Amino acid sequence: MNRRKILIVLVVVVGLALLALYLYRQNAKEFIPGTDANGDGIRDDVEKLIEQKYSYDPKVRIAVRELAKSIQTSIVNPNHPNGQQDLFIVNCLHYIVGDKALDIITELESITANTSARARNLYKDSARVSGTMLRGARSKEQACAYNPELLK
């Protein structure tokens, strides 16, 4: 009888441990911010992609990094009040790369919002600013928070 009780307790403990491990892994998958080891506001996996894909031109790389920070902010805090700043970041990217901006935005959003929780938050942020009147940049100088012409 004693062995039977020990076996039942052991099965329950192992079952609870497996359940805890499963729940831990599920929560880890839904960790919205992701890893940003250097604290620059860009998730490490996204930063790696940017460095691999856009390091050929400092103007493009910096504009794409600004966009990545903006998307990450929208995902981590979908109620952030930076809609105007986000628009200027998109305007700056468009100024630098032209019509390729839409492809870059689509790519970064899909890579950054790569879990259901992240995609949900990005959608919430988009819905929040949808229909809002924002003022676009009137000049390339106003679009970028830096002067891209000084970058070589």
C-alpha atoms as a PDB file:
ATOM      1  CA  MET A   1       0.000   0.000   0.000  1.00  0.00           C
ATOM      2  CA  ASN A   2       2.820   2.358   0.830  1.00  0.00           C
ATOM      3  CA  ARG A   3       4.442   1.792  -2.578  1.00  0.00           C
ATOM      4  CA  ARG A   4       1.149   2.498  -4.293  1.00  0.00           C
ATOM      5  CA  LYS A   5       0.805   5.884  -2.549  1.00  0.00           C
ATOM      6  CA  ILE A   6       4.387   6.762  -3.411  1.00  0.00           C
ATOM      7  CA  LEU A   7       3.777   5.823  -7.038  1.00  0.00           C
ATOM      8  CA  ILE A   8       0.607   7.950  -7.183  1.00  0.00           C
ATOM      9  CA  VAL A   9       2.386  10.939  -5.629  1.00  0.00           C
ATOM     10  CA  LEU A  10       5.282  10.479  -8.047  1.00  0.00           C
ATOM     11  CA  VAL A  11       2.935  10.381 -11.052  1.00  0.00           C
ATOM     12  CA  VAL A  12       1.140  13.526  -9.833  1.00  0.00           C
ATOM     13  CA  VAL A  13       4.423  15.377  -9.241  1.00  0.00           C
ATOM     14  CA  VAL A  14       5.802  14.402 -12.658  1.00  0.00           C
ATOM     15  CA  GLY A  15       2.492  15.378 -14.277  1.00  0.00           C
ATOM     16  CA  LEU A  16       2.528  18.776 -12.575  1.00  0.00           C
ATOM     17  CA  ALA A  17       6.154  19.304 -13.572  1.00  0.00           C
ATOM     18  CA  LEU A  18       5.326  18.511 -17.202  1.00  0.00           C
ATOM     19  CA  LEU A  19       2.333  20.862 -17.076  1.00  0.00           C
ATOM     20  CA  ALA A  20       4.491  23.623 -15.589  1.00  0.00           C
ATOM     21  CA  LEU A  21       7.117  23.090 -18.311  1.00  0.00           C
ATOM     22  CA  TYR A  22       4.439  23.240 -21.013  1.00  0.00           C
ATOM     23  CA  LEU A  23       2.972  26.466 -19.577  1.00  0.00           C
ATOM     24  CA  TYR A  24       6.443  27.988 -19.253  1.00  0.00           C
ATOM     25  CA  ARG A  25       7.189  27.254 -22.915  1.00  0.00           C
ATOM     26  CA  GLN A  26       3.826  28.679 -24.005  1.00  0.00           C
ATOM     27  CA  ASN A  27       4.474  31.876 -22.050  1.00  0.00           C
ATOM     28  CA  ALA A  28       8.008  32.113 -23.428  1.00  0.00           C
ATOM     29  CA  LYS A  29       6.588  31.955 -26.961  1.00  0.00           C
ATOM     30  CA  GLU A  30       4.248  34.814 -26.139  1.00  0.00           C
ATOM     31  CA  PHE A  31       6.941  37.021 -24.553  1.00  0.00           C
ATOM     32  CA  ILE A  32       6.039  40.148 -26.456  1.00  0.00           C
ATOM     33  CA  PRO A  33       9.169  42.315 -26.270  1.00  0.00           C
ATOM     34  CA  GLY A  34      11.631  39.578 -27.196  1.00  0.00           C
ATOM     35  CA  THR A  35      15.338  39.774 -26.536  1.00  0.00           C
ATOM     36  CA  ASP A  36      17.093  43.112 -26.976  1.00  0.00           C
ATOM     37  CA  ALA A  37      20.500  42.475 -25.431  1.00  0.00           C
ATOM     38  CA  ASN A  38      21.991  45.893 -26.238  1.00  0.00           C
ATOM     39  CA  GLY A  39      18.844  47.842 -25.263  1.00  0.00           C
ATOM     40  CA  ASP A  40      18.601  49.789 -28.524  1.00  0.00           C
ATOM     41  CA  GLY A  41      14.853  49.221 -28.929  1.00  0.00           C
ATOM     42  CA  ILE A  42      15.214  46.637 -31.705  1.00  0.00           C
ATOM     43  CA  ARG A  43      14.788  42.919 -31.071  1.00  0.00           C
ATOM     44  CA  ASP A  44      18.055  41.050 -31.627  1.00  0.00           C
ATOM     45  CA  ASP A  45      16.745  38.816 -34.423  1.00  0.00           C
ATOM     46  CA  VAL A  46      15.346  41.831 -36.295  1.00  0.00           C
ATOM     47  CA  GLU A  47      18.575  43.750 -35.774  1.00  0.00           C
ATOM     48  CA  LYS A  48      20.560  40.853 -37.235  1.00  0.00           C
ATOM     49  CA  LEU A  49      18.357  40.839 -40.329  1.00  0.00           C
ATOM     50  CA  ILE A  50      18.785  44.595 -40.766  1.00  0.00           C
ATOM     51  CA  GLU A  51      22.566  44.332 -40.521  1.00  0.00           C
ATOM     52  CA  GLN A  52      22.639  41.469 -43.037  1.00  0.00           C
ATOM     53  CA  LYS A  53      20.231  42.985 -45.516  1.00  0.00           C
ATOM     54  CA  TYR A  54      20.677  46.757 -45.301  1.00  0.00           C
ATOM     55  CA  SER A  55      24.278  47.380 -44.308  1.00  0.00           C
ATOM     56  CA  TYR A  56      25.168  48.316 -47.907  1.00  0.00           C
ATOM     57  CA  ASP A  57      24.052  51.929 -47.380  1.00  0.00           C
ATOM     58  CA  PRO A  58      24.150  53.813 -44.048  1.00  0.00           C
ATOM     59  CA  LYS A  59      21.168  55.979 -45.052  1.00  0.00           C
ATOM     60  CA  VAL A  60      18.996  52.942 -45.666  1.00  0.00           C
ATOM     61  CA  ARG A  61      20.280  51.053 -42.630  1.00  0.00           C
ATOM     62  CA  ILE A  62      19.556  53.939 -40.240  1.00  0.00           C
ATOM     63  CA  ALA A  63      16.089  54.553 -41.725  1.00  0.00           C
ATOM     64  CA  VAL A  64      15.238  50.842 -41.462  1.00  0.00           C
ATOM     65  CA  ARG A  65      16.522  50.750 -37.873  1.00  0.00           C
ATOM     66  CA  GLU A  66      14.279  53.713 -36.991  1.00  0.00           C
ATOM     67  CA  LEU A  67      11.339  51.893 -38.554  1.00  0.00           C
ATOM     68  CA  ALA A  68      12.166  48.711 -36.605  1.00  0.00           C
ATOM     69  CA  LYS A  69      12.209  50.698 -33.334  1.00  0.00           C
ATOM     70  CA  SER A  70       8.861  52.228 -34.228  1.00  0.00           C
ATOM     71  CA  ILE A  71       7.287  48.835 -34.974  1.00  0.00           C
ATOM     72  CA  GLN A  72       8.743  47.350 -31.775  1.00  0.00           C
ATOM     73  CA  THR A  73       7.327  50.248 -29.740  1.00  0.00           C
ATOM     74  CA  SER A  74       3.910  49.672 -31.315  1.00  0.00           C
ATOM     75  CA  ILE A  75       4.059  45.984 -30.412  1.00  0.00           C
ATOM     76  CA  VAL A  76       5.268  46.426 -26.839  1.00  0.00           C
ATOM     77  CA  ASN A  77       2.979  49.396 -26.120  1.00  0.00           C
ATOM     78  CA  PRO A  78       0.082  49.584 -28.594  1.00  0.00           C
ATOM     79  CA  ASN A  79      -1.253  52.682 -26.812  1.00  0.00           C
ATOM     80  CA  HIS A  80       1.886  54.772 -27.262  1.00  0.00           C
ATOM     81  CA  PRO A  81       1.232  58.367 -28.356  1.00  0.00           C
ATOM     82  CA  ASN A  82       3.827  58.511 -31.171  1.00  0.00           C
ATOM     83  CA  GLY A  83       1.608  58.337 -34.265  1.00  0.00           C
ATOM     84  CA  GLN A  84       3.035  61.558 -35.711  1.00  0.00           C
ATOM     85  CA  GLN A  85       6.612  60.420 -35.134  1.00  0.00           C
ATOM     86  CA  ASP A  86       5.825  57.039 -36.720  1.00  0.00           C
ATOM     87  CA  LEU A  87       4.516  58.811 -39.825  1.00  0.00           C
ATOM     88  CA  PHE A  88       7.689  60.872 -40.093  1.00  0.00           C
ATOM     89  CA  ILE A  89       9.774  57.678 -39.841  1.00  0.00           C
ATOM     90  CA  VAL A  90       7.818  56.182 -42.751  1.00  0.00           C
ATOM     91  CA  ASN A  91       8.176  59.475 -44.684  1.00  0.00           C
ATOM     92  CA  CYS A  92      11.938  59.418 -44.082  1.00  0.00           C
ATOM     93  CA  LEU A  93      12.242  55.836 -45.289  1.00  0.00           C
ATOM     94  CA  HIS A  94      10.221  56.714 -48.400  1.00  0.00           C
ATOM     95  CA  TYR A  95      12.443  59.734 -49.026  1.00  0.00           C
ATOM     96  CA  ILE A  96      15.530  57.498 -48.923  1.00  0.00           C
ATOM     97  CA  VAL A  97      14.360  54.356 -50.763  1.00  0.00           C
ATOM     98  CA  GLY A  98      11.316  55.562 -52.717  1.00  0.00           C
ATOM     99  CA  ASP A  99       8.681  52.983 -53.577  1.00  0.00           C
ATOM    100  CA  LYS A 100      10.726  50.187 -51.967  1.00  0.00           C
ATOM    101  CA  ALA A 101       9.581  51.570 -48.603  1.00  0.00           C
ATOM    102  CA  LEU A 102       6.319  49.622 -48.694  1.00  0.00           C
ATOM    103  CA  ASP A 103       8.176  46.323 -49.229  1.00  0.00           C
ATOM    104  CA  ILE A 104      10.552  47.108 -46.360  1.00  0.00           C
ATOM    105  CA  ILE A 105       7.678  48.068 -44.025  1.00  0.00           C
ATOM    106  CA  THR A 106       5.771  44.891 -44.888  1.00  0.00           C
ATOM    107  CA  GLU A 107       8.856  42.732 -44.336  1.00  0.00           C
ATOM    108  CA  LEU A 108       9.761  44.316 -40.992  1.00  0.00           C
ATOM    109  CA  GLU A 109       6.201  44.148 -39.704  1.00  0.00           C
ATOM    110  CA  SER A 110       5.908  40.458 -40.590  1.00  0.00           C
ATOM    111  CA  ILE A 111       9.249  39.602 -38.980  1.00  0.00           C
ATOM    112  CA  THR A 112       8.661  41.703 -35.872  1.00  0.00           C
ATOM    113  CA  ALA A 113       5.029  40.651 -35.331  1.00  0.00           C
ATOM    114  CA  ASN A 114       5.920  36.955 -35.554  1.00  0.00           C
ATOM    115  CA  THR A 115       3.668  35.650 -32.760  1.00  0.00           C
ATOM    116  CA  SER A 116      -0.065  35.984 -32.289  1.00  0.00           C
ATOM    117  CA  ALA A 117       0.387  38.297 -29.280  1.00  0.00           C
ATOM    118  CA  ARG A 118       2.760  40.575 -31.199  1.00  0.00           C
ATOM    119  CA  ALA A 119       0.504  40.637 -34.267  1.00  0.00           C
ATOM    120  CA  ARG A 120      -2.486  41.431 -32.034  1.00  0.00           C
ATOM    121  CA  ASN A 121      -0.669  44.384 -30.488  1.00  0.00           C
ATOM    122  CA  LEU A 122       0.481  45.707 -33.857  1.00  0.00           C
ATOM    123  CA  TYR A 123      -3.118  45.478 -35.070  1.00  0.00           C
ATOM    124  CA  LYS A 124      -4.323  47.323 -31.935  1.00  0.00           C
ATOM    125  CA  ASP A 125      -1.831  50.107 -32.603  1.00  0.00           C
ATOM    126  CA  SER A 126      -2.872  50.356 -36.253  1.00  0.00           C
ATOM    127  CA  ALA A 127      -6.542  50.423 -35.296  1.00  0.00           C
ATOM    128  CA  ARG A 128      -5.838  53.122 -32.706  1.00  0.00           C
ATOM    129  CA  VAL A 129      -4.367  55.536 -35.261  1.00  0.00           C
ATOM    130  CA  SER A 130      -6.690  54.542 -38.098  1.00  0.00           C
ATOM    131  CA  GLY A 131      -8.757  57.535 -39.129  1.00  0.00           C
ATOM    132  CA  THR A 132      -6.543  59.916 -37.163  1.00  0.00           C
ATOM    133  CA  MET A 133      -5.416  63.014 -38.989  1.00  0.00           C
ATOM    134  CA  LEU A 134      -1.643  63.289 -38.935  1.00  0.00           C
ATOM    135  CA  ARG A 135       0.500  65.863 -40.650  1.00  0.00           C
ATOM    136  CA  GLY A 136       2.996  64.441 -43.129  1.00  0.00           C
ATOM    137  CA  ALA A 137       6.485  65.794 -43.523  1.00  0.00           C
ATOM    138  CA  ARG A 138       6.618  68.902 -45.702  1.00  0.00           C
ATOM    139  CA  SER A 139      10.255  68.412 -46.624  1.00  0.00           C
ATOM    140  CA  LYS A 140      12.946  65.772 -46.505  1.00  0.00           C
ATOM    141  CA  GLU A 141      14.563  67.684 -43.633  1.00  0.00           C
ATOM    142  CA  GLN A 142      11.352  67.425 -41.618  1.00  0.00           C
ATOM    143  CA  ALA A 143      10.859  63.752 -42.482  1.00  0.00           C
ATOM    144  CA  CYS A 144      14.109  62.453 -40.997  1.00  0.00           C
ATOM    145  CA  ALA A 145      15.234  63.045 -37.413  1.00  0.00           C
ATOM    146  CA  TYR A 146      18.783  63.219 -38.837  1.00  0.00           C
ATOM    147  CA  ASN A 147      20.267  64.522 -42.077  1.00  0.00           C
ATOM    148  CA  PRO A 148      20.649  61.489 -44.357  1.00  0.00           C
ATOM    149  CA  GLU A 149      22.732  63.525 -46.788  1.00  0.00           C
ATOM    150  CA  LEU A 150      25.559  63.657 -44.245  1.00  0.00           C
ATOM    151  CA  LEU A 151      25.813  59.871 -44.138  1.00  0.00           C
ATOM    152  CA  LYS A 152      28.216  58.150 -46.490  1.00  0.00           C
END
